């Protein structure tokens, strides 16, 4: 496995990983659209320089860490350009997408960057997540970013354990999300 910067050729593989990191996706079209719009497409389209992939022996992305380095720049673009991509008939999905920004907004001063990470199930528990976060944190340090945060579902015990073992600090639980941050 190789950890390397994201390349445009990885776009569809990263989207596949986003939808299938918890096993084969049984989401309907609206659910897939919501997940990709909220948790994937902005980063690949607007900040590809802040994205890394874990590539298999065929150079296919099987995991990723994607990041917005400055929440203050991210949020207005996300709200103006990405939330409207979710069809108006899916009002609850639009509300959820807007809500996904609440915790980052609260902690943006100390942790201006935020990340999303996923790995296909057959490649999990092989150290890829740790290596990808290492690559991202080194990249952000070089850019002078003081901290990065993330949110994880409160019921995602495996994810929460990963972030705590890595050294992320618990920040807050709000609704179904728990926020963690790490100073760089």
N, C-alpha and C. Protein backbone atom coordinates (compact mmCIF):
# COMPACT_ATOMS: atom_id res chain seq x y z
N UNK A 1 0.83 -1.18 0.00
CA UNK A 1 0.00 0.00 0.00
C UNK A 1 0.88 1.26 0.00
N UNK A 2 0.39 2.25 -0.71
CA UNK A 2 1.10 3.51 -0.81
C UNK A 2 0.19 4.63 -0.36
N UNK A 3 0.70 5.53 0.45
CA UNK A 3 -0.03 6.75 0.81
C UNK A 3 0.54 7.83 -0.09
N UNK A 4 -0.33 8.49 -0.84
CA UNK A 4 0.14 9.50 -1.79
C UNK A 4 -0.90 10.61 -1.90
N UNK A 5 -0.49 11.76 -2.45
CA UNK A 5 -1.46 12.83 -2.68
C UNK A 5 -2.56 12.37 -3.64
N UNK A 6 -3.72 12.89 -3.42
CA UNK A 6 -4.87 12.64 -4.30
C UNK A 6 -4.55 13.16 -5.71
N UNK A 7 -5.05 12.46 -6.70
CA UNK A 7 -4.92 12.85 -8.10
C UNK A 7 -6.33 12.80 -8.72
N UNK A 8 -6.58 13.62 -9.70
CA UNK A 8 -7.91 13.67 -10.33
C UNK A 8 -8.39 12.30 -10.80
N UNK A 9 -7.48 11.42 -11.17
CA UNK A 9 -7.87 10.07 -11.61
C UNK A 9 -8.49 9.25 -10.47
N UNK A 10 -8.33 9.70 -9.22
CA UNK A 10 -8.87 9.00 -8.06
C UNK A 10 -10.31 9.36 -7.74
N UNK A 11 -10.87 10.33 -8.47
CA UNK A 11 -12.17 10.90 -8.13
C UNK A 11 -13.24 9.82 -7.91
N UNK A 12 -13.46 8.96 -8.87
CA UNK A 12 -14.52 7.95 -8.75
C UNK A 12 -14.19 6.92 -7.68
N UNK A 13 -12.92 6.54 -7.55
CA UNK A 13 -12.54 5.59 -6.49
C UNK A 13 -12.80 6.17 -5.11
N UNK A 14 -12.45 7.43 -4.92
CA UNK A 14 -12.68 8.07 -3.61
C UNK A 14 -14.18 8.13 -3.32
N UNK A 15 -14.96 8.49 -4.30
CA UNK A 15 -16.42 8.52 -4.10
C UNK A 15 -16.95 7.12 -3.77
N UNK A 16 -16.42 6.10 -4.41
CA UNK A 16 -16.82 4.72 -4.11
C UNK A 16 -16.49 4.38 -2.66
N UNK A 17 -15.28 4.72 -2.23
CA UNK A 17 -14.88 4.47 -0.84
C UNK A 17 -15.81 5.21 0.11
N UNK A 18 -16.14 6.44 -0.21
CA UNK A 18 -17.03 7.24 0.64
C UNK A 18 -18.35 6.53 0.87
N UNK A 19 -18.88 5.93 -0.16
CA UNK A 19 -20.19 5.26 -0.07
C UNK A 19 -20.11 3.84 0.48
N UNK A 20 -18.93 3.23 0.49
CA UNK A 20 -18.84 1.81 0.83
C UNK A 20 -17.88 1.49 1.97
N UNK A 21 -17.46 2.48 2.74
CA UNK A 21 -16.48 2.23 3.80
C UNK A 21 -17.07 1.43 4.97
N UNK A 22 -18.36 1.33 5.02
CA UNK A 22 -19.00 0.53 6.07
C UNK A 22 -19.62 -0.72 5.49
N UNK A 23 -19.15 -1.13 4.31
CA UNK A 23 -19.71 -2.29 3.63
C UNK A 23 -20.47 -1.82 2.41
N UNK A 24 -20.97 -2.78 1.61
CA UNK A 24 -21.71 -2.38 0.40
C UNK A 24 -22.85 -1.43 0.72
N UNK A 25 -22.94 -0.38 -0.06
CA UNK A 25 -23.93 0.66 0.17
C UNK A 25 -25.31 0.21 -0.33
N UNK A 26 -26.31 0.37 0.53
CA UNK A 26 -27.69 0.10 0.12
C UNK A 26 -28.51 1.39 0.11
N UNK A 27 -27.79 2.52 0.03
CA UNK A 27 -28.45 3.82 -0.02
C UNK A 27 -29.17 4.00 -1.35
N UNK A 28 -30.28 4.70 -1.31
CA UNK A 28 -30.94 5.05 -2.57
C UNK A 28 -30.19 6.23 -3.20
N UNK A 29 -30.61 6.62 -4.37
CA UNK A 29 -29.92 7.70 -5.10
C UNK A 29 -29.85 8.99 -4.28
N UNK A 30 -30.95 9.32 -3.60
CA UNK A 30 -30.96 10.54 -2.79
C UNK A 30 -29.96 10.45 -1.64
N UNK A 31 -29.88 9.29 -1.01
CA UNK A 31 -28.93 9.11 0.09
C UNK A 31 -27.49 9.18 -0.38
N UNK A 32 -27.20 8.56 -1.53
CA UNK A 32 -25.85 8.62 -2.08
C UNK A 32 -25.48 10.07 -2.42
N UNK A 33 -26.42 10.77 -3.04
CA UNK A 33 -26.17 12.16 -3.42
C UNK A 33 -25.88 13.02 -2.18
N UNK A 34 -26.66 12.84 -1.14
CA UNK A 34 -26.47 13.58 0.11
C UNK A 34 -25.08 13.31 0.70
N UNK A 35 -24.71 12.03 0.81
CA UNK A 35 -23.41 11.67 1.41
C UNK A 35 -22.26 12.27 0.60
N UNK A 36 -22.30 12.10 -0.71
CA UNK A 36 -21.21 12.61 -1.55
C UNK A 36 -21.14 14.13 -1.53
N UNK A 37 -22.29 14.79 -1.55
CA UNK A 37 -22.32 16.26 -1.52
C UNK A 37 -21.83 16.79 -0.19
N UNK A 38 -22.21 16.15 0.89
CA UNK A 38 -21.90 16.65 2.23
C UNK A 38 -20.49 16.29 2.68
N UNK A 39 -20.02 15.11 2.35
CA UNK A 39 -18.79 14.61 2.95
C UNK A 39 -17.64 14.33 1.98
N UNK A 40 -17.81 14.63 0.69
CA UNK A 40 -16.76 14.23 -0.24
C UNK A 40 -16.45 15.28 -1.31
N UNK A 41 -17.44 15.67 -2.09
CA UNK A 41 -17.18 16.40 -3.33
C UNK A 41 -16.50 17.75 -3.15
N UNK A 42 -16.88 18.51 -2.12
CA UNK A 42 -16.21 19.81 -1.92
C UNK A 42 -14.69 19.64 -1.88
N UNK A 43 -14.22 18.71 -1.09
CA UNK A 43 -12.80 18.54 -0.84
C UNK A 43 -12.05 18.15 -2.12
N UNK A 44 -12.64 17.26 -2.90
CA UNK A 44 -12.00 16.82 -4.15
C UNK A 44 -12.02 17.91 -5.21
N UNK A 45 -13.07 18.69 -5.22
CA UNK A 45 -13.22 19.73 -6.24
C UNK A 45 -12.53 21.04 -5.86
N UNK A 46 -12.58 21.42 -4.61
CA UNK A 46 -12.06 22.73 -4.20
C UNK A 46 -10.70 22.68 -3.50
N UNK A 47 -10.36 21.58 -2.84
CA UNK A 47 -9.10 21.52 -2.11
C UNK A 47 -8.38 20.18 -2.34
N UNK A 48 -8.22 19.78 -3.59
CA UNK A 48 -7.57 18.49 -3.84
C UNK A 48 -6.14 18.43 -3.31
N UNK A 49 -5.50 19.59 -3.15
CA UNK A 49 -4.13 19.63 -2.62
C UNK A 49 -4.08 19.22 -1.16
N UNK A 50 -5.23 19.14 -0.50
CA UNK A 50 -5.29 18.76 0.91
C UNK A 50 -5.89 17.37 1.09
N UNK A 51 -5.80 16.54 0.06
CA UNK A 51 -6.37 15.20 0.09
C UNK A 51 -5.27 14.17 -0.19
N UNK A 52 -5.37 13.03 0.50
CA UNK A 52 -4.42 11.93 0.34
C UNK A 52 -5.20 10.64 0.20
N UNK A 53 -4.61 9.69 -0.52
CA UNK A 53 -5.25 8.38 -0.68
C UNK A 53 -4.29 7.28 -0.28
N UNK A 54 -4.89 6.16 0.11
CA UNK A 54 -4.15 4.91 0.27
C UNK A 54 -4.43 4.13 -1.01
N UNK A 55 -3.38 3.83 -1.74
CA UNK A 55 -3.52 3.15 -3.03
C UNK A 55 -3.02 1.71 -2.94
N UNK A 56 -3.76 0.79 -3.57
CA UNK A 56 -3.36 -0.60 -3.58
C UNK A 56 -2.26 -0.84 -4.62
N UNK A 57 -1.92 -2.08 -4.84
CA UNK A 57 -0.83 -2.40 -5.78
C UNK A 57 -1.15 -2.02 -7.23
N UNK A 58 -2.43 -1.82 -7.53
CA UNK A 58 -2.85 -1.37 -8.87
C UNK A 58 -3.04 0.14 -8.93
N UNK A 59 -2.58 0.83 -7.88
CA UNK A 59 -2.70 2.29 -7.75
C UNK A 59 -4.16 2.76 -7.70
N UNK A 60 -5.02 1.90 -7.20
CA UNK A 60 -6.44 2.24 -7.02
C UNK A 60 -6.64 2.72 -5.58
N UNK A 61 -7.32 3.85 -5.41
CA UNK A 61 -7.58 4.38 -4.07
C UNK A 61 -8.56 3.46 -3.33
N UNK A 62 -8.12 2.98 -2.16
CA UNK A 62 -8.96 2.12 -1.33
C UNK A 62 -9.26 2.79 0.01
N UNK A 63 -8.70 3.98 0.20
CA UNK A 63 -8.95 4.77 1.39
C UNK A 63 -8.54 6.20 1.10
N UNK A 64 -9.00 7.11 1.94
CA UNK A 64 -8.65 8.52 1.74
C UNK A 64 -8.75 9.28 3.04
N UNK A 65 -8.05 10.40 3.07
CA UNK A 65 -8.27 11.44 4.07
C UNK A 65 -8.38 12.73 3.25
N UNK A 66 -9.48 13.44 3.44
CA UNK A 66 -9.73 14.68 2.69
C UNK A 66 -9.94 15.80 3.70
N UNK A 67 -9.56 17.01 3.29
CA UNK A 67 -9.48 18.08 4.28
C UNK A 67 -9.75 19.44 3.67
N UNK A 68 -10.41 20.28 4.44
CA UNK A 68 -10.48 21.72 4.17
C UNK A 68 -9.57 22.37 5.21
N UNK A 69 -8.61 23.15 4.75
CA UNK A 69 -7.61 23.69 5.69
C UNK A 69 -8.07 24.93 6.44
N UNK A 70 -9.09 25.61 5.95
CA UNK A 70 -9.55 26.85 6.58
C UNK A 70 -11.08 26.87 6.60
N UNK A 71 -11.62 26.58 7.77
CA UNK A 71 -13.07 26.50 7.89
C UNK A 71 -13.74 27.81 7.46
N UNK A 72 -13.11 28.94 7.75
CA UNK A 72 -13.68 30.23 7.38
C UNK A 72 -13.86 30.38 5.88
N UNK A 73 -13.00 29.77 5.09
CA UNK A 73 -13.13 29.79 3.64
C UNK A 73 -14.07 28.68 3.15
N UNK A 74 -14.04 27.56 3.82
CA UNK A 74 -14.86 26.40 3.43
C UNK A 74 -16.36 26.65 3.56
N UNK A 75 -16.79 27.09 4.74
CA UNK A 75 -18.22 27.12 5.05
C UNK A 75 -19.05 27.94 4.05
N UNK A 76 -18.67 29.18 3.71
CA UNK A 76 -19.51 29.94 2.78
C UNK A 76 -19.63 29.26 1.41
N UNK A 77 -18.54 28.66 0.94
CA UNK A 77 -18.58 27.97 -0.35
C UNK A 77 -19.47 26.73 -0.25
N UNK A 78 -19.31 25.97 0.83
CA UNK A 78 -20.12 24.77 1.01
C UNK A 78 -21.60 25.12 1.05
N UNK A 79 -21.95 26.15 1.82
CA UNK A 79 -23.36 26.53 1.94
C UNK A 79 -23.92 27.10 0.64
N UNK A 80 -23.12 27.86 -0.09
CA UNK A 80 -23.60 28.50 -1.31
C UNK A 80 -23.61 27.56 -2.52
N UNK A 81 -22.57 26.74 -2.65
CA UNK A 81 -22.43 25.93 -3.86
C UNK A 81 -22.82 24.46 -3.70
N UNK A 82 -22.65 23.90 -2.50
CA UNK A 82 -22.86 22.46 -2.34
C UNK A 82 -24.22 22.10 -1.76
N UNK A 83 -24.64 22.77 -0.71
CA UNK A 83 -25.96 22.46 -0.16
C UNK A 83 -27.05 22.60 -1.22
N UNK A 84 -27.03 23.62 -2.09
CA UNK A 84 -28.07 23.70 -3.12
C UNK A 84 -28.04 22.56 -4.14
N UNK A 85 -26.97 21.79 -4.19
CA UNK A 85 -26.92 20.62 -5.08
C UNK A 85 -27.89 19.53 -4.61
N UNK A 86 -28.22 19.58 -3.33
CA UNK A 86 -29.18 18.61 -2.79
C UNK A 86 -30.56 19.10 -3.21
N UNK A 87 -31.33 18.28 -3.92
CA UNK A 87 -32.64 18.73 -4.41
C UNK A 87 -33.53 19.30 -3.31
N UNK A 88 -34.22 20.37 -3.64
CA UNK A 88 -35.09 21.05 -2.67
C UNK A 88 -36.12 20.10 -2.07
N UNK A 89 -36.54 19.09 -2.83
CA UNK A 89 -37.53 18.14 -2.33
C UNK A 89 -36.97 17.31 -1.18
N UNK A 90 -35.65 17.33 -1.02
CA UNK A 90 -35.01 16.59 0.07
C UNK A 90 -34.61 17.56 1.18
N UNK A 91 -35.58 18.29 1.65
CA UNK A 91 -35.35 19.34 2.65
C UNK A 91 -34.59 18.84 3.87
N UNK A 92 -34.93 17.67 4.37
CA UNK A 92 -34.24 17.16 5.56
C UNK A 92 -32.77 16.89 5.28
N UNK A 93 -32.45 16.46 4.07
CA UNK A 93 -31.05 16.26 3.70
C UNK A 93 -30.31 17.60 3.65
N UNK A 94 -30.98 18.63 3.13
CA UNK A 94 -30.36 19.96 3.10
C UNK A 94 -30.11 20.47 4.52
N UNK A 95 -31.09 20.27 5.38
CA UNK A 95 -30.94 20.71 6.78
C UNK A 95 -29.79 19.95 7.44
N UNK A 96 -29.70 18.64 7.19
CA UNK A 96 -28.62 17.84 7.77
C UNK A 96 -27.26 18.30 7.24
N UNK A 97 -27.18 18.62 5.95
CA UNK A 97 -25.91 19.10 5.38
C UNK A 97 -25.49 20.41 6.05
N UNK A 98 -26.43 21.32 6.23
CA UNK A 98 -26.11 22.58 6.93
C UNK A 98 -25.68 22.28 8.37
N UNK A 99 -26.38 21.36 9.01
CA UNK A 99 -26.08 21.01 10.39
C UNK A 99 -24.71 20.37 10.56
N UNK A 100 -24.22 19.76 9.49
CA UNK A 100 -22.91 19.10 9.58
C UNK A 100 -21.78 20.10 9.82
N UNK A 101 -22.06 21.39 9.69
CA UNK A 101 -21.03 22.42 9.85
C UNK A 101 -21.01 23.05 11.24
N UNK A 102 -21.95 22.69 12.10
CA UNK A 102 -22.11 23.37 13.39
C UNK A 102 -20.88 23.23 14.28
N UNK A 103 -20.41 22.01 14.50
CA UNK A 103 -19.28 21.82 15.42
C UNK A 103 -18.00 22.43 14.87
N UNK A 104 -17.76 22.31 13.56
CA UNK A 104 -16.56 22.93 13.00
C UNK A 104 -16.58 24.43 13.21
N UNK A 105 -17.74 25.04 13.04
CA UNK A 105 -17.85 26.49 13.22
C UNK A 105 -17.49 26.88 14.65
N UNK A 106 -17.90 26.09 15.60
CA UNK A 106 -17.66 26.39 17.01
C UNK A 106 -16.17 26.33 17.36
N UNK A 107 -15.42 25.45 16.71
CA UNK A 107 -14.02 25.24 17.07
C UNK A 107 -13.03 25.71 16.01
N UNK A 108 -13.49 26.51 15.06
CA UNK A 108 -12.65 26.90 13.92
C UNK A 108 -11.43 27.73 14.29
N UNK A 109 -11.45 28.45 15.39
CA UNK A 109 -10.29 29.26 15.76
C UNK A 109 -9.10 28.38 16.14
N UNK A 110 -9.32 27.40 16.98
CA UNK A 110 -8.23 26.53 17.42
C UNK A 110 -7.93 25.41 16.44
N UNK A 111 -8.95 24.99 15.69
CA UNK A 111 -8.83 23.87 14.75
C UNK A 111 -9.44 24.30 13.41
N UNK A 112 -8.75 25.15 12.66
CA UNK A 112 -9.35 25.69 11.44
C UNK A 112 -9.54 24.66 10.33
N UNK A 113 -8.75 23.61 10.35
CA UNK A 113 -8.90 22.56 9.34
C UNK A 113 -9.84 21.48 9.86
N UNK A 114 -10.52 20.82 8.95
CA UNK A 114 -11.30 19.64 9.34
C UNK A 114 -11.15 18.56 8.28
N UNK A 115 -11.29 17.32 8.71
CA UNK A 115 -11.02 16.21 7.82
C UNK A 115 -12.16 15.20 7.82
N UNK A 116 -12.15 14.38 6.77
CA UNK A 116 -12.99 13.18 6.67
C UNK A 116 -12.05 12.07 6.22
N UNK A 117 -12.27 10.89 6.76
CA UNK A 117 -11.42 9.75 6.42
C UNK A 117 -12.28 8.50 6.29
N UNK A 118 -11.97 7.69 5.30
CA UNK A 118 -12.65 6.42 5.11
C UNK A 118 -11.70 5.43 4.45
N UNK A 119 -11.91 4.15 4.75
CA UNK A 119 -11.13 3.06 4.18
C UNK A 119 -12.11 1.93 3.88
N UNK A 120 -11.97 1.30 2.73
CA UNK A 120 -12.82 0.15 2.42
C UNK A 120 -12.63 -0.94 3.48
N UNK A 121 -13.69 -1.67 3.82
CA UNK A 121 -13.62 -2.65 4.93
C UNK A 121 -12.48 -3.65 4.82
N UNK A 122 -12.21 -4.16 3.63
CA UNK A 122 -11.16 -5.18 3.49
C UNK A 122 -9.75 -4.63 3.70
N UNK A 123 -9.61 -3.30 3.79
CA UNK A 123 -8.31 -2.68 4.01
C UNK A 123 -8.20 -2.01 5.38
N UNK A 124 -9.25 -2.12 6.18
CA UNK A 124 -9.24 -1.52 7.51
C UNK A 124 -8.37 -2.34 8.46
N UNK A 125 -7.93 -1.71 9.52
CA UNK A 125 -7.10 -2.31 10.58
C UNK A 125 -5.74 -2.79 10.06
N UNK A 126 -5.21 -2.03 9.08
CA UNK A 126 -3.88 -2.33 8.55
C UNK A 126 -2.95 -1.13 8.71
N UNK A 127 -3.38 -0.13 9.49
CA UNK A 127 -2.55 1.05 9.73
C UNK A 127 -2.67 2.13 8.68
N UNK A 128 -3.55 1.94 7.69
CA UNK A 128 -3.67 2.94 6.62
C UNK A 128 -4.23 4.26 7.14
N UNK A 129 -5.22 4.20 8.01
CA UNK A 129 -5.79 5.42 8.56
C UNK A 129 -4.74 6.25 9.27
N UNK A 130 -3.95 5.60 10.10
CA UNK A 130 -2.89 6.30 10.84
C UNK A 130 -1.89 6.94 9.87
N UNK A 131 -1.50 6.20 8.85
CA UNK A 131 -0.53 6.72 7.89
C UNK A 131 -1.10 7.89 7.08
N UNK A 132 -2.38 7.79 6.72
CA UNK A 132 -2.98 8.90 5.96
C UNK A 132 -3.10 10.15 6.83
N UNK A 133 -3.49 9.99 8.10
CA UNK A 133 -3.58 11.15 8.99
C UNK A 133 -2.19 11.72 9.24
N UNK A 134 -1.17 10.86 9.35
CA UNK A 134 0.21 11.35 9.47
C UNK A 134 0.56 12.24 8.28
N UNK A 135 0.24 11.77 7.07
CA UNK A 135 0.56 12.53 5.84
C UNK A 135 -0.17 13.86 5.83
N UNK A 136 -1.44 13.83 6.18
CA UNK A 136 -2.22 15.07 6.20
C UNK A 136 -1.69 16.03 7.25
N UNK A 137 -1.44 15.57 8.46
CA UNK A 137 -0.96 16.46 9.52
C UNK A 137 0.40 17.07 9.17
N UNK A 138 1.29 16.30 8.58
CA UNK A 138 2.59 16.85 8.15
C UNK A 138 2.37 17.94 7.10
N UNK A 139 1.48 17.67 6.17
CA UNK A 139 1.14 18.64 5.11
C UNK A 139 0.58 19.93 5.72
N UNK A 140 -0.34 19.80 6.66
CA UNK A 140 -0.95 20.99 7.29
C UNK A 140 0.07 21.76 8.14
N UNK A 141 0.95 21.04 8.83
CA UNK A 141 2.01 21.71 9.61
C UNK A 141 2.88 22.57 8.70
N UNK A 142 3.25 22.01 7.54
CA UNK A 142 4.08 22.76 6.59
C UNK A 142 3.38 24.04 6.13
N UNK A 143 2.07 24.02 6.10
CA UNK A 143 1.29 25.19 5.67
C UNK A 143 1.01 26.14 6.83
N UNK A 144 1.42 25.76 8.04
CA UNK A 144 1.21 26.62 9.20
C UNK A 144 -0.17 26.54 9.81
N UNK A 145 -0.91 25.49 9.50
CA UNK A 145 -2.25 25.32 10.07
C UNK A 145 -2.09 24.85 11.52
N UNK A 146 -2.73 25.54 12.50
CA UNK A 146 -2.48 25.22 13.90
C UNK A 146 -3.21 24.00 14.45
N UNK A 147 -4.28 23.56 13.77
CA UNK A 147 -5.02 22.43 14.30
C UNK A 147 -6.03 21.91 13.29
N UNK A 148 -6.41 20.65 13.49
CA UNK A 148 -7.40 20.01 12.63
C UNK A 148 -8.42 19.29 13.52
N UNK A 149 -9.65 19.26 13.07
CA UNK A 149 -10.69 18.59 13.83
C UNK A 149 -11.50 17.70 12.91
N UNK A 150 -12.39 16.96 13.51
CA UNK A 150 -13.30 16.09 12.77
C UNK A 150 -14.50 15.81 13.65
N UNK A 151 -15.53 15.31 13.04
CA UNK A 151 -16.67 14.80 13.80
C UNK A 151 -16.87 13.35 13.42
N UNK A 152 -17.34 12.59 14.36
CA UNK A 152 -17.61 11.16 14.17
C UNK A 152 -18.93 10.86 14.86
N UNK A 153 -19.68 9.94 14.29
CA UNK A 153 -20.95 9.56 14.91
C UNK A 153 -20.72 9.06 16.32
N UNK A 154 -21.55 9.51 17.23
CA UNK A 154 -21.42 9.16 18.65
C UNK A 154 -21.44 7.65 18.85
N UNK A 155 -22.18 6.93 18.03
CA UNK A 155 -22.25 5.48 18.15
C UNK A 155 -21.13 4.74 17.46
N UNK A 156 -20.21 5.46 16.81
CA UNK A 156 -19.12 4.82 16.08
C UNK A 156 -17.95 4.60 17.03
N UNK A 157 -18.03 3.53 17.82
CA UNK A 157 -17.01 3.25 18.82
C UNK A 157 -15.64 2.99 18.21
N UNK A 158 -15.60 2.31 17.06
CA UNK A 158 -14.33 2.02 16.40
C UNK A 158 -13.66 3.32 15.95
N UNK A 159 -14.44 4.20 15.34
CA UNK A 159 -13.90 5.48 14.90
C UNK A 159 -13.41 6.33 16.07
N UNK A 160 -14.23 6.42 17.10
CA UNK A 160 -13.84 7.22 18.26
C UNK A 160 -12.56 6.67 18.89
N UNK A 161 -12.45 5.35 18.98
CA UNK A 161 -11.25 4.73 19.54
C UNK A 161 -10.02 5.06 18.69
N UNK A 162 -10.17 5.02 17.36
CA UNK A 162 -9.05 5.35 16.47
C UNK A 162 -8.55 6.76 16.75
N UNK A 163 -9.46 7.74 16.80
CA UNK A 163 -9.04 9.12 16.98
C UNK A 163 -8.41 9.33 18.35
N UNK A 164 -8.95 8.72 19.37
CA UNK A 164 -8.37 8.85 20.71
C UNK A 164 -6.98 8.23 20.78
N UNK A 165 -6.79 7.05 20.17
CA UNK A 165 -5.46 6.42 20.16
C UNK A 165 -4.47 7.25 19.36
N UNK A 166 -4.95 7.90 18.31
CA UNK A 166 -4.06 8.72 17.50
C UNK A 166 -3.58 9.96 18.27
N UNK A 167 -4.39 10.44 19.21
CA UNK A 167 -4.01 11.62 19.99
C UNK A 167 -4.96 12.79 19.87
N UNK A 168 -6.07 12.59 19.15
CA UNK A 168 -7.08 13.64 19.08
C UNK A 168 -7.73 13.80 20.45
N UNK A 169 -8.09 15.04 20.78
CA UNK A 169 -8.71 15.37 22.05
C UNK A 169 -10.22 15.50 21.85
N UNK A 170 -10.98 14.89 22.75
CA UNK A 170 -12.43 15.04 22.74
C UNK A 170 -12.78 16.50 22.95
N UNK A 171 -13.66 17.05 22.12
CA UNK A 171 -14.09 18.44 22.26
C UNK A 171 -15.51 18.55 22.78
N UNK A 172 -16.43 17.83 22.15
CA UNK A 172 -17.84 17.99 22.51
C UNK A 172 -18.68 16.97 21.76
N UNK A 173 -19.80 16.61 22.38
CA UNK A 173 -20.82 15.83 21.68
C UNK A 173 -22.03 16.72 21.51
N UNK A 174 -22.55 16.74 20.29
CA UNK A 174 -23.74 17.53 19.97
C UNK A 174 -24.63 16.67 19.09
N UNK A 175 -25.83 16.38 19.57
CA UNK A 175 -26.70 15.51 18.82
C UNK A 175 -26.04 14.16 18.66
N UNK A 176 -25.94 13.68 17.44
CA UNK A 176 -25.33 12.39 17.18
C UNK A 176 -23.88 12.46 16.79
N UNK A 177 -23.25 13.63 16.92
CA UNK A 177 -21.85 13.80 16.50
C UNK A 177 -20.95 14.12 17.68
N UNK A 178 -19.76 13.56 17.65
CA UNK A 178 -18.73 13.87 18.64
C UNK A 178 -17.57 14.51 17.90
N UNK A 179 -17.10 15.62 18.42
CA UNK A 179 -16.00 16.37 17.79
C UNK A 179 -14.69 16.07 18.52
N UNK A 180 -13.64 15.92 17.72
CA UNK A 180 -12.28 15.73 18.22
C UNK A 180 -11.37 16.70 17.50
N UNK A 181 -10.32 17.13 18.17
CA UNK A 181 -9.35 18.02 17.55
C UNK A 181 -7.94 17.64 17.96
N UNK A 182 -6.99 18.04 17.14
CA UNK A 182 -5.58 17.82 17.48
C UNK A 182 -4.82 19.08 17.07
N UNK A 183 -3.98 19.55 17.98
CA UNK A 183 -3.12 20.71 17.70
C UNK A 183 -1.93 20.24 16.88
N UNK A 184 -1.55 21.05 15.92
CA UNK A 184 -0.42 20.70 15.06
C UNK A 184 0.79 21.50 15.44
